[in-house]
C-alpha cells in the first residue's frame, strides 16, 4: 500500500466537501473558504454530477462579470470529472493531473465515493517519503543504521 491513494487517505482521512448543483456559487465559495479547500464535489444525492474548482469560479464567474450570489453551481461546474481508485499510485495521480491540467481527483472504490486527493496531498506525501530516504541514508553513512 505504500505510495498509493489508499495510503494517503489513511493519513488524510476520507472527508469530501460537497455542494448541490442548485446552490449558489457564493455559497460554494464560502464553503471552500471555511474548509480551506480548492474544490467541492457537486453531488445530486449520492451521485457525482460535477466538480467545482477555484479555477471554474475565476473563469466562469469573475472574468465574465457574473454574480456569484445568483449563479447556480450547475452553470459553472466542470462536468467531466476524472477520478481514481484507492489502488492507484501517487505517480499515476500525478500523471493524470499533469495530462489533464487538474488539481483534484475524487477517489471511487467499488462505485462508492471514498475520498478526494489534491495535488497538495501528493506533494506532501512525496516530500515525506523523500525525507525518510534521506534520514535512512544519513543514518547508514553515519554508521547508526539498525539494519
N, C-alpha and C. Protein backbone atom coordinates (compact mmCIF):
# COMPACT_ATOMS: atom_id res chain seq x y z
N UNK A 1 0.80 -1.21 0.00
CA UNK A 1 0.00 0.00 0.00
C UNK A 1 0.84 1.28 0.00
N UNK A 2 2.14 1.23 0.28
CA UNK A 2 2.94 2.45 0.25
C UNK A 2 2.87 3.10 -1.12
N UNK A 3 2.71 4.42 -1.13
CA UNK A 3 2.69 5.14 -2.39
C UNK A 3 1.38 5.05 -3.15
N UNK A 4 0.31 4.63 -2.48
CA UNK A 4 -0.99 4.54 -3.15
C UNK A 4 -1.95 5.59 -2.61
N UNK A 5 -3.02 5.78 -3.35
CA UNK A 5 -4.08 6.68 -2.91
C UNK A 5 -4.64 6.20 -1.57
N UNK A 6 -4.78 4.89 -1.40
CA UNK A 6 -5.30 4.35 -0.13
C UNK A 6 -4.44 4.79 1.05
N UNK A 7 -3.12 4.78 0.87
CA UNK A 7 -2.24 5.18 1.97
C UNK A 7 -2.35 6.67 2.28
N UNK A 8 -2.61 7.48 1.27
CA UNK A 8 -2.81 8.91 1.51
C UNK A 8 -4.10 9.12 2.29
N UNK A 9 -5.18 8.46 1.87
CA UNK A 9 -6.46 8.62 2.56
C UNK A 9 -6.41 8.09 3.98
N UNK A 10 -5.58 7.07 4.21
CA UNK A 10 -5.42 6.53 5.55
C UNK A 10 -4.91 7.61 6.51
N UNK A 11 -4.00 8.45 6.03
CA UNK A 11 -3.44 9.52 6.86
C UNK A 11 -4.30 10.78 6.83
N UNK A 12 -4.81 11.12 5.67
CA UNK A 12 -5.55 12.37 5.48
C UNK A 12 -6.99 12.27 5.99
N UNK A 13 -7.58 11.12 5.81
CA UNK A 13 -9.00 10.95 6.13
C UNK A 13 -9.81 10.89 4.85
N UNK A 14 -11.08 10.59 5.02
CA UNK A 14 -11.95 10.35 3.87
C UNK A 14 -12.97 11.47 3.65
N UNK A 15 -12.86 12.56 4.39
CA UNK A 15 -13.83 13.65 4.25
C UNK A 15 -13.77 14.25 2.85
N UNK A 16 -14.95 14.49 2.30
CA UNK A 16 -15.07 15.13 0.99
C UNK A 16 -16.06 16.27 1.14
N UNK A 17 -15.66 17.45 0.74
CA UNK A 17 -16.54 18.61 0.81
C UNK A 17 -17.40 18.64 -0.45
N UNK A 18 -18.70 18.85 -0.23
CA UNK A 18 -19.67 18.73 -1.33
C UNK A 18 -20.58 19.94 -1.38
N UNK A 19 -21.26 20.05 -2.51
CA UNK A 19 -22.29 21.08 -2.68
C UNK A 19 -23.30 20.55 -3.70
N UNK A 20 -24.51 21.06 -3.62
CA UNK A 20 -25.54 20.67 -4.58
C UNK A 20 -25.49 21.54 -5.82
N UNK A 21 -25.95 21.03 -6.95
CA UNK A 21 -25.87 21.77 -8.21
C UNK A 21 -26.74 23.03 -8.25
N UNK A 22 -27.76 23.11 -7.42
CA UNK A 22 -28.65 24.27 -7.43
C UNK A 22 -28.28 25.32 -6.39
N UNK A 23 -27.27 25.05 -5.59
CA UNK A 23 -26.80 26.06 -4.64
C UNK A 23 -26.04 27.13 -5.40
N UNK A 24 -25.90 28.31 -4.78
CA UNK A 24 -25.24 29.41 -5.48
C UNK A 24 -23.72 29.28 -5.41
N UNK A 25 -23.08 29.89 -6.37
CA UNK A 25 -21.63 29.94 -6.40
C UNK A 25 -21.12 30.66 -5.15
N UNK A 26 -21.84 31.68 -4.71
CA UNK A 26 -21.46 32.42 -3.50
C UNK A 26 -21.38 31.47 -2.30
N UNK A 27 -22.39 30.62 -2.14
CA UNK A 27 -22.38 29.65 -1.04
C UNK A 27 -21.23 28.65 -1.21
N UNK A 28 -20.96 28.26 -2.44
CA UNK A 28 -19.87 27.31 -2.71
C UNK A 28 -18.52 27.92 -2.34
N UNK A 29 -18.29 29.15 -2.75
CA UNK A 29 -17.01 29.81 -2.44
C UNK A 29 -16.87 29.97 -0.92
N UNK A 30 -17.95 30.32 -0.25
CA UNK A 30 -17.92 30.42 1.21
C UNK A 30 -17.53 29.10 1.85
N UNK A 31 -18.08 28.02 1.34
CA UNK A 31 -17.77 26.69 1.86
C UNK A 31 -16.30 26.34 1.62
N UNK A 32 -15.78 26.69 0.44
CA UNK A 32 -14.36 26.43 0.15
C UNK A 32 -13.48 27.19 1.13
N UNK A 33 -13.81 28.46 1.36
CA UNK A 33 -13.00 29.30 2.25
C UNK A 33 -13.05 28.74 3.68
N UNK A 34 -14.24 28.43 4.17
CA UNK A 34 -14.38 27.92 5.54
C UNK A 34 -13.62 26.61 5.75
N UNK A 35 -13.56 25.79 4.71
CA UNK A 35 -12.89 24.49 4.84
C UNK A 35 -11.47 24.49 4.29
N UNK A 36 -11.02 25.64 3.80
CA UNK A 36 -9.66 25.78 3.27
C UNK A 36 -9.37 24.73 2.20
N UNK A 37 -10.29 24.62 1.23
CA UNK A 37 -10.13 23.67 0.12
C UNK A 37 -10.28 24.41 -1.21
N UNK A 38 -9.76 23.81 -2.26
CA UNK A 38 -9.79 24.42 -3.58
C UNK A 38 -10.84 23.86 -4.51
N UNK A 39 -11.64 22.89 -4.00
CA UNK A 39 -12.68 22.32 -4.84
C UNK A 39 -13.79 21.74 -3.98
N UNK A 40 -14.94 21.58 -4.61
CA UNK A 40 -16.08 20.90 -3.99
C UNK A 40 -16.62 19.92 -5.00
N UNK A 41 -16.97 18.74 -4.56
CA UNK A 41 -17.66 17.82 -5.45
C UNK A 41 -19.12 18.24 -5.51
N UNK A 42 -19.65 18.29 -6.70
CA UNK A 42 -21.06 18.65 -6.88
C UNK A 42 -21.84 17.34 -6.91
N UNK A 43 -22.72 17.20 -5.93
CA UNK A 43 -23.43 15.94 -5.73
C UNK A 43 -24.93 16.13 -5.86
N UNK A 44 -25.56 15.20 -6.53
CA UNK A 44 -27.01 15.11 -6.58
C UNK A 44 -27.35 13.81 -5.86
N UNK A 45 -27.65 13.92 -4.58
CA UNK A 45 -27.78 12.73 -3.74
C UNK A 45 -26.42 12.10 -3.57
N UNK A 46 -26.30 10.83 -3.92
CA UNK A 46 -25.01 10.12 -3.83
C UNK A 46 -24.26 10.12 -5.15
N UNK A 47 -24.78 10.81 -6.14
CA UNK A 47 -24.20 10.78 -7.49
C UNK A 47 -23.35 12.03 -7.73
N UNK A 48 -22.11 11.83 -8.20
CA UNK A 48 -21.25 12.95 -8.58
C UNK A 48 -21.74 13.47 -9.92
N UNK A 49 -22.09 14.76 -9.97
CA UNK A 49 -22.55 15.36 -11.23
C UNK A 49 -21.55 16.38 -11.77
N UNK A 50 -20.53 16.70 -10.96
CA UNK A 50 -19.53 17.65 -11.41
C UNK A 50 -18.54 17.94 -10.30
N UNK A 51 -17.62 18.82 -10.60
CA UNK A 51 -16.67 19.31 -9.60
C UNK A 51 -16.56 20.82 -9.82
N UNK A 52 -16.51 21.55 -8.72
CA UNK A 52 -16.37 23.00 -8.78
C UNK A 52 -15.02 23.35 -8.19
N UNK A 53 -14.22 24.08 -8.95
CA UNK A 53 -12.89 24.46 -8.50
C UNK A 53 -12.76 25.98 -8.49
N UNK A 54 -11.72 26.45 -7.82
CA UNK A 54 -11.42 27.88 -7.83
C UNK A 54 -11.26 28.37 -9.27
N UNK A 55 -10.65 27.56 -10.08
CA UNK A 55 -10.44 27.92 -11.49
C UNK A 55 -11.77 28.10 -12.22
N UNK A 56 -12.76 27.23 -11.95
CA UNK A 56 -14.09 27.39 -12.55
C UNK A 56 -14.68 28.74 -12.17
N UNK A 57 -14.56 29.10 -10.90
CA UNK A 57 -15.08 30.39 -10.44
C UNK A 57 -14.41 31.55 -11.17
N UNK A 58 -13.10 31.52 -11.22
CA UNK A 58 -12.37 32.62 -11.87
C UNK A 58 -12.73 32.75 -13.34
N UNK A 59 -12.77 31.64 -14.04
CA UNK A 59 -13.03 31.68 -15.49
C UNK A 59 -14.48 31.97 -15.84
N UNK A 60 -15.41 31.41 -15.07
CA UNK A 60 -16.82 31.45 -15.50
C UNK A 60 -17.70 32.42 -14.71
N UNK A 61 -17.14 33.01 -13.67
CA UNK A 61 -17.90 34.00 -12.91
C UNK A 61 -17.14 35.32 -12.88
N UNK A 62 -15.99 35.32 -12.23
CA UNK A 62 -15.23 36.57 -12.05
C UNK A 62 -14.88 37.23 -13.38
N UNK A 63 -14.30 36.49 -14.31
CA UNK A 63 -13.88 37.08 -15.58
C UNK A 63 -15.05 37.44 -16.50
N UNK A 64 -16.19 36.80 -16.30
CA UNK A 64 -17.36 37.09 -17.13
C UNK A 64 -18.29 38.11 -16.49
N UNK A 65 -17.92 38.60 -15.30
CA UNK A 65 -18.72 39.61 -14.64
C UNK A 65 -20.06 39.11 -14.13
N UNK A 66 -20.18 37.82 -13.88
CA UNK A 66 -21.42 37.25 -13.37
C UNK A 66 -21.50 37.42 -11.85
N UNK A 67 -22.68 37.36 -11.32
CA UNK A 67 -22.88 37.47 -9.88
C UNK A 67 -22.80 36.09 -9.24
N UNK A 68 -21.93 35.96 -8.26
CA UNK A 68 -21.82 34.68 -7.56
C UNK A 68 -23.05 34.43 -6.69
N UNK A 69 -23.76 35.49 -6.33
CA UNK A 69 -24.94 35.36 -5.46
C UNK A 69 -26.15 34.79 -6.20
N UNK A 70 -26.16 34.93 -7.53
CA UNK A 70 -27.33 34.46 -8.29
C UNK A 70 -27.00 33.32 -9.25
N UNK A 71 -25.73 33.05 -9.46
CA UNK A 71 -25.34 31.99 -10.40
C UNK A 71 -25.35 30.63 -9.69
N UNK A 72 -26.11 29.67 -10.21
CA UNK A 72 -26.08 28.34 -9.60
C UNK A 72 -24.81 27.59 -9.98
N UNK A 73 -24.37 26.74 -9.09
CA UNK A 73 -23.17 25.94 -9.29
C UNK A 73 -23.24 25.17 -10.60
N UNK A 74 -24.40 24.62 -10.95
CA UNK A 74 -24.53 23.78 -12.15
C UNK A 74 -24.14 24.51 -13.43
N UNK A 75 -24.21 25.86 -13.42
CA UNK A 75 -23.87 26.62 -14.63
C UNK A 75 -22.37 26.78 -14.84
N UNK A 76 -21.58 26.56 -13.81
CA UNK A 76 -20.14 26.79 -13.97
C UNK A 76 -19.27 25.58 -13.62
N UNK A 77 -19.87 24.53 -13.08
CA UNK A 77 -19.09 23.37 -12.65
C UNK A 77 -18.48 22.64 -13.86
N UNK A 78 -17.43 21.91 -13.60
CA UNK A 78 -16.83 21.04 -14.61
C UNK A 78 -17.60 19.73 -14.60
N UNK A 79 -18.10 19.34 -15.77
CA UNK A 79 -18.92 18.13 -15.87
C UNK A 79 -18.09 16.86 -15.99
N UNK A 80 -16.95 16.95 -16.66
CA UNK A 80 -16.11 15.78 -16.91
C UNK A 80 -15.21 15.54 -15.70
N UNK A 81 -15.71 14.76 -14.76
CA UNK A 81 -14.97 14.51 -13.53
C UNK A 81 -14.06 13.30 -13.72
N UNK A 82 -12.77 13.52 -13.55
CA UNK A 82 -11.78 12.46 -13.65
C UNK A 82 -11.55 11.92 -12.24
N UNK A 83 -11.56 10.62 -12.08
CA UNK A 83 -11.38 10.05 -10.75
C UNK A 83 -10.39 8.89 -10.79
N UNK A 84 -9.97 8.49 -9.59
CA UNK A 84 -9.04 7.37 -9.43
C UNK A 84 -9.61 6.41 -8.39
N UNK A 85 -8.95 5.26 -8.28
CA UNK A 85 -9.30 4.28 -7.25
C UNK A 85 -8.23 4.26 -6.18
N UNK A 86 -8.51 3.64 -5.04
CA UNK A 86 -7.54 3.60 -3.95
C UNK A 86 -6.25 2.87 -4.31
N UNK A 87 -6.30 2.00 -5.31
CA UNK A 87 -5.12 1.23 -5.71
C UNK A 87 -4.16 2.04 -6.59
N UNK A 88 -4.59 3.17 -7.11
CA UNK A 88 -3.72 3.97 -7.98
C UNK A 88 -2.52 4.49 -7.18
N UNK A 89 -1.40 4.60 -7.85
CA UNK A 89 -0.19 5.11 -7.20
C UNK A 89 -0.16 6.63 -7.26
N UNK A 90 0.71 7.19 -6.44
CA UNK A 90 0.92 8.63 -6.45
C UNK A 90 1.39 9.06 -7.84
N UNK A 91 2.26 8.26 -8.44
CA UNK A 91 2.76 8.57 -9.78
C UNK A 91 1.62 8.55 -10.81
N UNK A 92 0.69 7.59 -10.69
CA UNK A 92 -0.48 7.56 -11.57
C UNK A 92 -1.26 8.87 -11.46
N UNK A 93 -1.50 9.28 -10.23
CA UNK A 93 -2.28 10.50 -9.99
C UNK A 93 -1.58 11.73 -10.55
N UNK A 94 -0.28 11.82 -10.33
CA UNK A 94 0.46 12.97 -10.84
C UNK A 94 0.42 13.01 -12.37
N UNK A 95 0.54 11.85 -13.00
CA UNK A 95 0.48 11.79 -14.46
C UNK A 95 -0.89 12.24 -14.97
N UNK A 96 -1.95 11.78 -14.32
CA UNK A 96 -3.31 12.18 -14.71
C UNK A 96 -3.49 13.69 -14.53
N UNK A 97 -3.08 14.19 -13.38
CA UNK A 97 -3.23 15.62 -13.10
C UNK A 97 -2.46 16.47 -14.10
N UNK A 98 -1.26 16.05 -14.42
CA UNK A 98 -0.44 16.80 -15.38
C UNK A 98 -1.06 16.76 -16.77
N UNK A 99 -1.45 15.59 -17.21
CA UNK A 99 -2.02 15.45 -18.56
C UNK A 99 -3.34 16.20 -18.70
N UNK A 100 -4.17 16.17 -17.66
CA UNK A 100 -5.49 16.79 -17.73
C UNK A 100 -5.51 18.23 -17.21
N UNK A 101 -4.38 18.67 -16.64
CA UNK A 101 -4.26 20.01 -16.07
C UNK A 101 -5.32 20.25 -14.98
N UNK A 102 -5.39 19.29 -14.06
CA UNK A 102 -6.32 19.38 -12.94
C UNK A 102 -5.56 19.21 -11.63
N UNK A 103 -6.21 19.57 -10.53
CA UNK A 103 -5.54 19.53 -9.23
C UNK A 103 -6.23 18.64 -8.20
N UNK A 104 -7.41 18.12 -8.55
CA UNK A 104 -8.20 17.35 -7.59
C UNK A 104 -8.76 16.09 -8.24
N UNK A 105 -8.66 14.97 -7.53
CA UNK A 105 -9.17 13.70 -8.04
C UNK A 105 -10.05 13.02 -6.98
N UNK A 106 -11.33 12.87 -7.26
CA UNK A 106 -12.16 12.07 -6.36
C UNK A 106 -11.68 10.61 -6.40
N UNK A 107 -11.88 9.92 -5.30
CA UNK A 107 -11.47 8.52 -5.20
C UNK A 107 -12.73 7.66 -5.09
N UNK A 108 -12.89 6.75 -6.05
CA UNK A 108 -14.05 5.87 -6.11
C UNK A 108 -13.59 4.44 -5.87
N UNK A 109 -14.24 3.75 -4.94
CA UNK A 109 -13.94 2.35 -4.66
C UNK A 109 -15.24 1.55 -4.76
N UNK A 110 -15.27 0.62 -5.71
CA UNK A 110 -16.44 -0.22 -5.95
C UNK A 110 -17.71 0.62 -6.11
N UNK A 111 -17.58 1.69 -6.91
CA UNK A 111 -18.72 2.55 -7.21
C UNK A 111 -19.10 3.53 -6.13
N UNK A 112 -18.32 3.60 -5.06
CA UNK A 112 -18.64 4.46 -3.92
C UNK A 112 -17.54 5.50 -3.72
N UNK A 113 -17.95 6.76 -3.49
CA UNK A 113 -17.01 7.84 -3.21
C UNK A 113 -16.39 7.61 -1.83
N UNK A 114 -15.04 7.53 -1.79
CA UNK A 114 -14.36 7.27 -0.51
C UNK A 114 -13.38 8.36 -0.12
N UNK A 115 -13.20 9.37 -0.96
CA UNK A 115 -12.28 10.44 -0.62
C UNK A 115 -11.95 11.29 -1.83
N UNK A 116 -11.00 12.19 -1.62
CA UNK A 116 -10.53 13.07 -2.68
C UNK A 116 -9.07 13.37 -2.39
N UNK A 117 -8.23 13.33 -3.42
CA UNK A 117 -6.83 13.71 -3.25
C UNK A 117 -6.54 14.93 -4.11
N UNK A 118 -5.70 15.79 -3.56
CA UNK A 118 -5.32 17.01 -4.27
C UNK A 118 -3.84 16.95 -4.62
N UNK A 119 -3.44 17.86 -5.47
CA UNK A 119 -2.03 17.96 -5.83
C UNK A 119 -1.19 18.17 -4.57
N UNK A 120 -1.70 19.00 -3.66
CA UNK A 120 -1.00 19.26 -2.41
C UNK A 120 -0.81 18.01 -1.57
N UNK A 121 -1.83 17.14 -1.54
CA UNK A 121 -1.72 15.87 -0.81
C UNK A 121 -0.59 15.02 -1.38
N UNK A 122 -0.50 14.98 -2.70
CA UNK A 122 0.52 14.16 -3.36
C UNK A 122 1.92 14.71 -3.08
N UNK A 123 2.07 16.02 -3.19
CA UNK A 123 3.38 16.64 -2.96
C UNK A 123 3.81 16.44 -1.50
N UNK A 124 2.86 16.62 -0.59
CA UNK A 124 3.17 16.42 0.83
C UNK A 124 3.66 15.00 1.09
N UNK A 125 3.00 14.03 0.50
CA UNK A 125 3.39 12.62 0.68
C UNK A 125 4.76 12.34 0.06
N UNK A 126 4.99 12.86 -1.15
CA UNK A 126 6.29 12.65 -1.80
C UNK A 126 7.41 13.27 -0.97
N UNK A 127 7.18 14.46 -0.43
CA UNK A 127 8.20 15.12 0.39
C UNK A 127 8.49 14.30 1.65
N UNK A 128 7.46 13.76 2.28
CA UNK A 128 7.65 12.93 3.48
C UNK A 128 8.42 11.66 3.14
N UNK A 129 8.08 11.03 2.01
CA UNK A 129 8.79 9.82 1.58
C UNK A 129 10.26 10.11 1.32
N UNK A 130 10.54 11.23 0.69
CA UNK A 130 11.94 11.59 0.38
C UNK A 130 12.71 11.86 1.66
N UNK A 131 12.05 12.48 2.65
CA UNK A 131 12.72 12.75 3.91
C UNK A 131 13.11 11.46 4.62
N UNK A 132 12.25 10.46 4.57
CA UNK A 132 12.56 9.15 5.16
C UNK A 132 13.79 8.56 4.47
N UNK A 133 13.84 8.65 3.14
CA UNK A 133 15.00 8.14 2.40
C UNK A 133 16.28 8.87 2.81
N UNK A 134 16.20 10.18 2.92
CA UNK A 134 17.36 10.99 3.30
C UNK A 134 17.83 10.60 4.70
N UNK A 135 16.90 10.49 5.64
CA UNK A 135 17.26 10.13 7.01
C UNK A 135 17.89 8.74 7.08
N UNK A 136 17.35 7.79 6.32
CA UNK A 136 17.89 6.43 6.30
C UNK A 136 19.31 6.43 5.74
N UNK A 137 19.53 7.14 4.65
CA UNK A 137 20.87 7.22 4.06
C UNK A 137 21.86 7.90 5.01
N UNK A 138 21.41 8.97 5.67
CA UNK A 138 22.28 9.67 6.61
C UNK A 138 22.67 8.73 7.76
N UNK A 139 21.70 7.98 8.29
CA UNK A 139 21.99 7.03 9.37
C UNK A 139 22.95 5.94 8.90
N UNK A 140 22.76 5.46 7.68
CA UNK A 140 23.62 4.42 7.13
C UNK A 140 25.06 4.93 7.01
N UNK A 141 25.20 6.12 6.47
CA UNK A 141 26.54 6.70 6.28
C UNK A 141 27.21 6.95 7.63
N UNK A 142 26.42 7.39 8.60
CA UNK A 142 26.97 7.68 9.93
C UNK A 142 27.21 6.42 10.75
N UNK A 143 26.79 5.28 10.23
CA UNK A 143 27.03 4.02 10.93
C UNK A 143 26.00 3.70 12.00
N UNK A 144 24.90 4.45 12.04
CA UNK A 144 23.90 4.19 13.08
C UNK A 144 22.64 3.53 12.54
N UNK A 145 22.71 3.06 11.29
CA UNK A 145 21.56 2.38 10.69
C UNK A 145 21.38 1.03 11.35
N UNK A 146 20.18 0.73 11.88
CA UNK A 146 19.98 -0.53 12.62
C UNK A 146 20.01 -1.78 11.74
N UNK A 147 19.84 -1.64 10.42
CA UNK A 147 19.78 -2.82 9.54
C UNK A 147 21.12 -3.25 9.18
